Amino acid sequence: MSEEMGRNLFNNGRYCKNCGKVLFETYTKEYCTVCETQLLFDDVRDYIRGQDVNEYDVAKHFDIPVSLVQRWIKEGRIEYKEKEQKTLAIVFCQRCGARVNFGTLCPKCLKEMNEQRKGYMVAQPKTEEENRMHFLE
């Protein structure tokens, strides 16, 4: 490819207004998909702070799938209010099945798993001789 052709290829492109990533010509939005998702999450977070809502209300308000809101809950980016009667949690502990307000494990199981992990021994590093590569005979 000639140098002039290369310059035209990159100078005439469209870029994400937030991160500067190159956008395809057919892509109609001003931000890349990663930045779009982050901007949407920021709007959702602000909305949740000012409202008394559950994941279905959020999904309806922003016209997004409930599964996206539930994924943010599982990732620990959003959590349910404590002892909220209106909230219909569909997120359960992956270990015991109890209702989870944050992440994928309930506090009890998380504590138990952390205590179990403390008992593991750390593997000792191998000697310098054991770490060297060699040929098998």
N, C-alpha and C. Protein backbone atom coordinates (compact mmCIF):
# COMPACT_ATOMS: atom_id res chain seq x y z
N MET A 1 0.86 -1.17 0.00
CA MET A 1 0.00 0.00 0.00
C MET A 1 0.90 1.23 0.00
N SER A 2 0.56 2.18 -0.83
CA SER A 2 1.37 3.40 -0.90
C SER A 2 1.16 4.25 0.35
N GLU A 3 2.13 5.11 0.62
CA GLU A 3 2.06 5.96 1.82
C GLU A 3 0.86 6.91 1.74
N GLU A 4 0.60 7.46 0.55
CA GLU A 4 -0.53 8.39 0.38
C GLU A 4 -1.86 7.68 0.63
N MET A 5 -1.96 6.46 0.12
CA MET A 5 -3.19 5.69 0.32
C MET A 5 -3.40 5.40 1.81
N GLY A 6 -2.32 5.07 2.52
CA GLY A 6 -2.40 4.81 3.95
C GLY A 6 -2.85 6.03 4.73
N ARG A 7 -2.33 7.21 4.38
CA ARG A 7 -2.73 8.45 5.05
C ARG A 7 -4.21 8.73 4.83
N ASN A 8 -4.69 8.54 3.63
CA ASN A 8 -6.10 8.78 3.33
C ASN A 8 -7.00 7.79 4.08
N LEU A 9 -6.52 6.57 4.21
CA LEU A 9 -7.30 5.55 4.89
C LEU A 9 -7.55 5.93 6.35
N PHE A 10 -6.54 6.47 7.04
CA PHE A 10 -6.68 6.76 8.45
C PHE A 10 -7.13 8.19 8.73
N ASN A 11 -6.86 9.13 7.87
CA ASN A 11 -7.26 10.51 8.10
C ASN A 11 -8.74 10.75 7.82
N ASN A 12 -9.33 9.95 6.98
CA ASN A 12 -10.74 10.14 6.63
C ASN A 12 -11.66 9.30 7.51
N GLY A 13 -11.12 8.55 8.44
CA GLY A 13 -11.92 7.67 9.28
C GLY A 13 -12.67 8.44 10.36
N ARG A 14 -13.61 7.74 10.96
CA ARG A 14 -14.33 8.30 12.11
C ARG A 14 -13.79 7.65 13.36
N TYR A 15 -13.78 8.42 14.44
CA TYR A 15 -13.22 7.94 15.69
C TYR A 15 -14.22 8.13 16.82
N CYS A 16 -14.13 7.25 17.82
CA CYS A 16 -14.96 7.37 19.01
C CYS A 16 -14.63 8.69 19.70
N LYS A 17 -15.66 9.44 20.07
CA LYS A 17 -15.44 10.74 20.71
C LYS A 17 -14.87 10.62 22.11
N ASN A 18 -14.95 9.44 22.70
CA ASN A 18 -14.46 9.26 24.05
C ASN A 18 -13.04 8.69 24.08
N CYS A 19 -12.82 7.56 23.40
CA CYS A 19 -11.53 6.86 23.51
C CYS A 19 -10.66 6.98 22.26
N GLY A 20 -11.23 7.45 21.14
CA GLY A 20 -10.44 7.62 19.92
C GLY A 20 -10.32 6.38 19.06
N LYS A 21 -11.01 5.32 19.40
CA LYS A 21 -10.97 4.08 18.62
C LYS A 21 -11.58 4.32 17.24
N VAL A 22 -10.99 3.69 16.21
CA VAL A 22 -11.49 3.84 14.84
C VAL A 22 -12.84 3.16 14.72
N LEU A 23 -13.80 3.85 14.10
CA LEU A 23 -15.15 3.31 13.91
C LEU A 23 -15.34 2.94 12.44
N PHE A 24 -16.09 1.88 12.18
CA PHE A 24 -16.40 1.50 10.81
C PHE A 24 -17.28 2.57 10.16
N GLU A 25 -17.18 2.67 8.85
CA GLU A 25 -17.99 3.65 8.12
C GLU A 25 -19.48 3.41 8.31
N THR A 26 -19.88 2.16 8.43
CA THR A 26 -21.29 1.83 8.56
C THR A 26 -21.82 2.04 9.98
N TYR A 27 -20.94 2.21 10.95
CA TYR A 27 -21.34 2.41 12.34
C TYR A 27 -21.87 3.83 12.48
N THR A 28 -23.10 3.98 12.98
CA THR A 28 -23.76 5.28 12.96
C THR A 28 -23.61 6.09 14.24
N LYS A 29 -23.16 5.47 15.32
CA LYS A 29 -23.09 6.17 16.60
C LYS A 29 -21.77 6.93 16.73
N GLU A 30 -21.72 7.86 17.68
CA GLU A 30 -20.53 8.69 17.88
C GLU A 30 -19.50 8.02 18.78
N TYR A 31 -19.92 7.01 19.56
CA TYR A 31 -19.04 6.33 20.50
C TYR A 31 -18.93 4.86 20.13
N CYS A 32 -17.79 4.23 20.43
CA CYS A 32 -17.63 2.79 20.19
C CYS A 32 -18.54 2.02 21.14
N THR A 33 -18.70 0.73 20.90
CA THR A 33 -19.62 -0.06 21.71
C THR A 33 -19.21 -0.12 23.18
N VAL A 34 -17.91 -0.17 23.45
CA VAL A 34 -17.44 -0.20 24.84
C VAL A 34 -17.81 1.09 25.55
N CYS A 35 -17.56 2.22 24.92
CA CYS A 35 -17.88 3.51 25.52
C CYS A 35 -19.39 3.71 25.63
N GLU A 36 -20.14 3.24 24.63
CA GLU A 36 -21.61 3.32 24.67
C GLU A 36 -22.14 2.57 25.89
N THR A 37 -21.61 1.37 26.12
CA THR A 37 -22.05 0.56 27.26
C THR A 37 -21.72 1.25 28.57
N GLN A 38 -20.52 1.83 28.67
CA GLN A 38 -20.13 2.52 29.89
C GLN A 38 -21.00 3.76 30.12
N LEU A 39 -21.30 4.50 29.08
CA LEU A 39 -22.17 5.67 29.22
C LEU A 39 -23.57 5.26 29.65
N LEU A 40 -24.07 4.15 29.09
CA LEU A 40 -25.38 3.63 29.48
C LEU A 40 -25.35 3.23 30.95
N PHE A 41 -24.29 2.53 31.38
CA PHE A 41 -24.19 2.12 32.77
C PHE A 41 -24.17 3.34 33.69
N ASP A 42 -23.45 4.38 33.31
CA ASP A 42 -23.40 5.60 34.12
C ASP A 42 -24.80 6.21 34.27
N ASP A 43 -25.57 6.22 33.17
CA ASP A 43 -26.94 6.74 33.23
C ASP A 43 -27.82 5.87 34.12
N VAL A 44 -27.66 4.55 34.00
CA VAL A 44 -28.44 3.61 34.83
C VAL A 44 -28.10 3.82 36.30
N ARG A 45 -26.82 3.92 36.61
CA ARG A 45 -26.39 4.13 38.00
C ARG A 45 -27.00 5.40 38.58
N ASP A 46 -26.96 6.48 37.82
CA ASP A 46 -27.54 7.75 38.28
C ASP A 46 -29.05 7.62 38.48
N TYR A 47 -29.71 6.91 37.59
CA TYR A 47 -31.15 6.70 37.68
C TYR A 47 -31.50 5.90 38.94
N ILE A 48 -30.75 4.84 39.19
CA ILE A 48 -31.01 3.99 40.36
C ILE A 48 -30.81 4.78 41.65
N ARG A 49 -29.81 5.63 41.70
CA ARG A 49 -29.55 6.42 42.91
C ARG A 49 -30.72 7.34 43.25
N GLY A 50 -31.43 7.81 42.24
CA GLY A 50 -32.52 8.74 42.47
C GLY A 50 -33.91 8.12 42.52
N GLN A 51 -34.00 6.82 42.28
CA GLN A 51 -35.31 6.16 42.19
C GLN A 51 -35.35 4.93 43.08
N ASP A 52 -36.55 4.50 43.41
CA ASP A 52 -36.76 3.25 44.13
C ASP A 52 -37.27 2.24 43.11
N VAL A 53 -36.36 1.50 42.46
CA VAL A 53 -36.70 0.63 41.33
C VAL A 53 -36.10 -0.75 41.49
N ASN A 54 -36.58 -1.68 40.67
CA ASN A 54 -35.96 -3.01 40.57
C ASN A 54 -35.43 -3.17 39.15
N GLU A 55 -34.85 -4.36 38.85
CA GLU A 55 -34.21 -4.53 37.54
C GLU A 55 -35.18 -4.42 36.38
N TYR A 56 -36.45 -4.78 36.59
CA TYR A 56 -37.44 -4.68 35.52
C TYR A 56 -37.77 -3.22 35.21
N ASP A 57 -37.88 -2.41 36.25
CA ASP A 57 -38.14 -0.98 36.06
C ASP A 57 -37.00 -0.32 35.29
N VAL A 58 -35.77 -0.68 35.65
CA VAL A 58 -34.59 -0.11 34.98
C VAL A 58 -34.58 -0.50 33.51
N ALA A 59 -34.80 -1.78 33.24
CA ALA A 59 -34.80 -2.28 31.87
C ALA A 59 -35.87 -1.58 31.03
N LYS A 60 -37.05 -1.41 31.61
CA LYS A 60 -38.14 -0.74 30.89
C LYS A 60 -37.82 0.73 30.64
N HIS A 61 -37.30 1.41 31.65
CA HIS A 61 -37.00 2.84 31.52
C HIS A 61 -35.95 3.10 30.43
N PHE A 62 -34.92 2.27 30.35
CA PHE A 62 -33.84 2.48 29.40
C PHE A 62 -33.99 1.65 28.12
N ASP A 63 -35.06 0.86 28.05
CA ASP A 63 -35.33 0.01 26.88
C ASP A 63 -34.12 -0.89 26.60
N ILE A 64 -33.68 -1.59 27.65
CA ILE A 64 -32.57 -2.53 27.54
C ILE A 64 -33.03 -3.89 28.08
N PRO A 65 -32.34 -4.97 27.73
CA PRO A 65 -32.74 -6.29 28.24
C PRO A 65 -32.54 -6.39 29.75
N VAL A 66 -33.46 -7.07 30.41
CA VAL A 66 -33.34 -7.31 31.86
C VAL A 66 -32.06 -8.08 32.13
N SER A 67 -31.66 -8.95 31.20
CA SER A 67 -30.45 -9.75 31.39
C SER A 67 -29.21 -8.88 31.51
N LEU A 68 -29.18 -7.73 30.85
CA LEU A 68 -28.04 -6.81 30.98
C LEU A 68 -27.97 -6.24 32.39
N VAL A 69 -29.11 -5.84 32.93
CA VAL A 69 -29.15 -5.31 34.29
C VAL A 69 -28.76 -6.41 35.27
N GLN A 70 -29.26 -7.63 35.06
CA GLN A 70 -28.91 -8.74 35.93
C GLN A 70 -27.42 -9.09 35.84
N ARG A 71 -26.84 -8.94 34.66
CA ARG A 71 -25.39 -9.18 34.52
C ARG A 71 -24.61 -8.17 35.34
N TRP A 72 -25.03 -6.91 35.32
CA TRP A 72 -24.36 -5.88 36.13
C TRP A 72 -24.48 -6.21 37.61
N ILE A 73 -25.61 -6.79 38.01
CA ILE A 73 -25.80 -7.19 39.41
C ILE A 73 -24.83 -8.33 39.74
N LYS A 74 -24.75 -9.33 38.88
CA LYS A 74 -23.86 -10.46 39.11
C LYS A 74 -22.39 -10.03 39.13
N GLU A 75 -22.06 -9.04 38.32
CA GLU A 75 -20.68 -8.53 38.29
C GLU A 75 -20.37 -7.69 39.52
N GLY A 76 -21.40 -7.35 40.29
CA GLY A 76 -21.19 -6.55 41.48
C GLY A 76 -21.16 -5.06 41.20
N ARG A 77 -21.59 -4.64 40.04
CA ARG A 77 -21.59 -3.22 39.69
C ARG A 77 -22.84 -2.52 40.23
N ILE A 78 -23.91 -3.29 40.43
CA ILE A 78 -25.17 -2.78 40.98
C ILE A 78 -25.56 -3.73 42.10
N GLU A 79 -26.15 -3.21 43.17
CA GLU A 79 -26.63 -4.09 44.22
C GLU A 79 -28.01 -3.65 44.68
N TYR A 80 -28.74 -4.59 45.25
CA TYR A 80 -30.06 -4.30 45.78
C TYR A 80 -29.94 -3.60 47.12
N LYS A 81 -30.94 -2.79 47.44
CA LYS A 81 -31.00 -2.15 48.74
C LYS A 81 -31.32 -3.21 49.78
N GLU A 82 -30.75 -3.09 50.95
CA GLU A 82 -31.00 -4.04 52.02
C GLU A 82 -32.45 -3.99 52.49
N LYS A 83 -33.01 -5.17 52.74
CA LYS A 83 -34.36 -5.32 53.28
C LYS A 83 -35.42 -4.53 52.50
N GLU A 84 -35.23 -4.47 51.21
CA GLU A 84 -36.18 -3.76 50.35
C GLU A 84 -37.32 -4.70 50.00
N GLN A 85 -38.51 -4.36 50.38
CA GLN A 85 -39.67 -5.22 50.14
C GLN A 85 -40.09 -5.21 48.67
N LYS A 86 -39.89 -4.07 48.00
CA LYS A 86 -40.34 -3.95 46.63
C LYS A 86 -39.46 -4.72 45.64
N THR A 87 -38.22 -4.92 45.98
CA THR A 87 -37.28 -5.53 45.06
C THR A 87 -37.58 -7.01 44.86
N LEU A 88 -37.62 -7.43 43.63
CA LEU A 88 -37.84 -8.83 43.29
C LEU A 88 -36.53 -9.40 42.77
N ALA A 89 -35.68 -9.88 43.67
CA ALA A 89 -34.37 -10.37 43.28
C ALA A 89 -34.48 -11.72 42.58
N ILE A 90 -33.83 -11.84 41.46
CA ILE A 90 -33.76 -13.10 40.75
C ILE A 90 -32.32 -13.59 40.75
N VAL A 91 -31.50 -12.99 41.57
CA VAL A 91 -30.11 -13.39 41.67
C VAL A 91 -29.96 -14.21 42.95
N PHE A 92 -29.40 -15.41 42.79
CA PHE A 92 -29.24 -16.31 43.92
C PHE A 92 -27.79 -16.75 44.02
N CYS A 93 -27.40 -17.10 45.24
CA CYS A 93 -26.04 -17.57 45.52
C CYS A 93 -25.76 -18.82 44.67
N GLN A 94 -24.63 -18.83 44.00
CA GLN A 94 -24.29 -19.98 43.16
C GLN A 94 -23.92 -21.21 43.97
N ARG A 95 -23.67 -21.01 45.25
CA ARG A 95 -23.25 -22.13 46.09
C ARG A 95 -24.41 -22.73 46.88
N CYS A 96 -25.21 -21.87 47.55
CA CYS A 96 -26.27 -22.40 48.43
C CYS A 96 -27.69 -22.05 47.95
N GLY A 97 -27.83 -21.10 47.04
CA GLY A 97 -29.14 -20.75 46.51
C GLY A 97 -29.85 -19.64 47.25
N ALA A 98 -29.22 -19.05 48.27
CA ALA A 98 -29.83 -17.94 49.01
C ALA A 98 -29.89 -16.69 48.13
N ARG A 99 -30.79 -15.79 48.46
CA ARG A 99 -30.93 -14.52 47.74
C ARG A 99 -29.63 -13.72 47.89
N VAL A 100 -29.18 -13.13 46.79
CA VAL A 100 -27.94 -12.36 46.77
C VAL A 100 -28.25 -10.92 46.38
N ASN A 101 -27.72 -9.98 47.14
CA ASN A 101 -27.89 -8.56 46.82
C ASN A 101 -26.74 -8.01 46.02
N PHE A 102 -25.62 -8.73 46.01
CA PHE A 102 -24.42 -8.20 45.39
C PHE A 102 -23.56 -9.36 44.93
N GLY A 103 -23.09 -9.35 43.70
CA GLY A 103 -22.21 -10.40 43.20
C GLY A 103 -22.94 -11.71 42.96
N THR A 104 -22.21 -12.84 43.11
CA THR A 104 -22.79 -14.15 42.83
C THR A 104 -22.79 -15.09 44.03
N LEU A 105 -22.20 -14.66 45.16
CA LEU A 105 -22.20 -15.47 46.37
C LEU A 105 -22.80 -14.69 47.52
N CYS A 106 -23.52 -15.39 48.40
CA CYS A 106 -24.06 -14.73 49.58
C CYS A 106 -22.91 -14.48 50.56
N PRO A 107 -23.09 -13.54 51.51
CA PRO A 107 -22.02 -13.24 52.46
C PRO A 107 -21.53 -14.45 53.25
N LYS A 108 -22.46 -15.35 53.62
CA LYS A 108 -22.08 -16.54 54.39
C LYS A 108 -21.14 -17.44 53.59
N CYS A 109 -21.51 -17.74 52.35
CA CYS A 109 -20.68 -18.62 51.51
C CYS A 109 -19.35 -17.96 51.16
N LEU A 110 -19.39 -16.66 50.91
CA LEU A 110 -18.15 -15.94 50.61
C LEU A 110 -17.18 -16.02 51.79
N LYS A 111 -17.70 -15.86 53.00
CA LYS A 111 -16.87 -15.94 54.20
C LYS A 111 -16.29 -17.36 54.35
N GLU A 112 -17.14 -18.38 54.15
CA GLU A 112 -16.68 -19.77 54.27
C GLU A 112 -15.59 -20.08 53.25
N MET A 113 -15.77 -19.63 52.03
CA MET A 113 -14.78 -19.91 50.98
C MET A 113 -13.46 -19.19 51.27
N ASN A 114 -13.54 -17.97 51.79
CA ASN A 114 -12.32 -17.24 52.13
C ASN A 114 -11.59 -17.92 53.28
N GLU A 115 -12.33 -18.45 54.25
CA GLU A 115 -11.70 -19.16 55.37
C GLU A 115 -11.04 -20.45 54.89
N GLN A 116 -11.69 -21.15 53.96
CA GLN A 116 -11.11 -22.38 53.42
C GLN A 116 -9.83 -22.08 52.66
N ARG A 117 -9.82 -20.98 51.95
CA ARG A 117 -8.67 -20.60 51.13
C ARG A 117 -7.45 -20.29 52.00
N LYS A 118 -7.68 -19.79 53.21
CA LYS A 118 -6.58 -19.46 54.10
C LYS A 118 -5.76 -20.68 54.46
N GLY A 119 -6.38 -21.86 54.46
CA GLY A 119 -5.69 -23.09 54.86
C GLY A 119 -4.78 -23.67 53.78
N TYR A 120 -4.89 -23.19 52.54
CA TYR A 120 -4.07 -23.73 51.47
C TYR A 120 -2.62 -23.31 51.63
N MET A 121 -1.73 -24.24 51.31
CA MET A 121 -0.31 -23.91 51.35
C MET A 121 0.11 -23.34 50.01
N VAL A 122 1.00 -22.40 50.05
CA VAL A 122 1.53 -21.82 48.83
C VAL A 122 2.66 -22.71 48.34
N ALA A 123 2.66 -23.02 47.06
CA ALA A 123 3.69 -23.88 46.50
C ALA A 123 5.05 -23.19 46.61
N GLN A 124 6.03 -23.97 46.99
CA GLN A 124 7.38 -23.45 47.10
C GLN A 124 7.99 -23.31 45.70
N PRO A 125 8.73 -22.24 45.46
CA PRO A 125 9.35 -22.09 44.14
C PRO A 125 10.38 -23.19 43.91
N LYS A 126 10.48 -23.59 42.66
CA LYS A 126 11.44 -24.64 42.32
C LYS A 126 12.85 -24.08 42.36
N THR A 127 13.78 -24.97 42.51
CA THR A 127 15.18 -24.54 42.51
C THR A 127 15.55 -24.09 41.12
N GLU A 128 16.65 -23.38 41.02
CA GLU A 128 17.08 -22.87 39.73
C GLU A 128 17.35 -24.02 38.76
N GLU A 129 17.87 -25.11 39.25
CA GLU A 129 18.15 -26.28 38.41
C GLU A 129 16.86 -26.88 37.86
N GLU A 130 15.81 -26.95 38.67
CA GLU A 130 14.54 -27.53 38.24
C GLU A 130 13.83 -26.66 37.22
N ASN A 131 14.07 -25.34 37.23
CA ASN A 131 13.40 -24.42 36.32
C ASN A 131 14.04 -24.36 34.95
N ARG A 132 15.23 -24.88 34.80
CA ARG A 132 15.93 -24.82 33.50
C ARG A 132 15.32 -25.81 32.53
N MET A 133 15.38 -25.45 31.25
CA MET A 133 14.89 -26.35 30.20
C MET A 133 15.97 -27.39 29.92
N HIS A 134 15.52 -28.57 29.52
CA HIS A 134 16.46 -29.61 29.16
C HIS A 134 15.79 -30.56 28.18
N PHE A 135 16.60 -31.37 27.52
CA PHE A 135 16.10 -32.35 26.57
C PHE A 135 15.90 -33.67 27.28
N LEU A 136 14.84 -34.36 26.92
CA LEU A 136 14.64 -35.71 27.45
C LEU A 136 15.46 -36.68 26.63
N GLU A 137 16.07 -37.61 27.28
CA GLU A 137 16.90 -38.59 26.55
C GLU A 137 16.14 -39.85 26.29
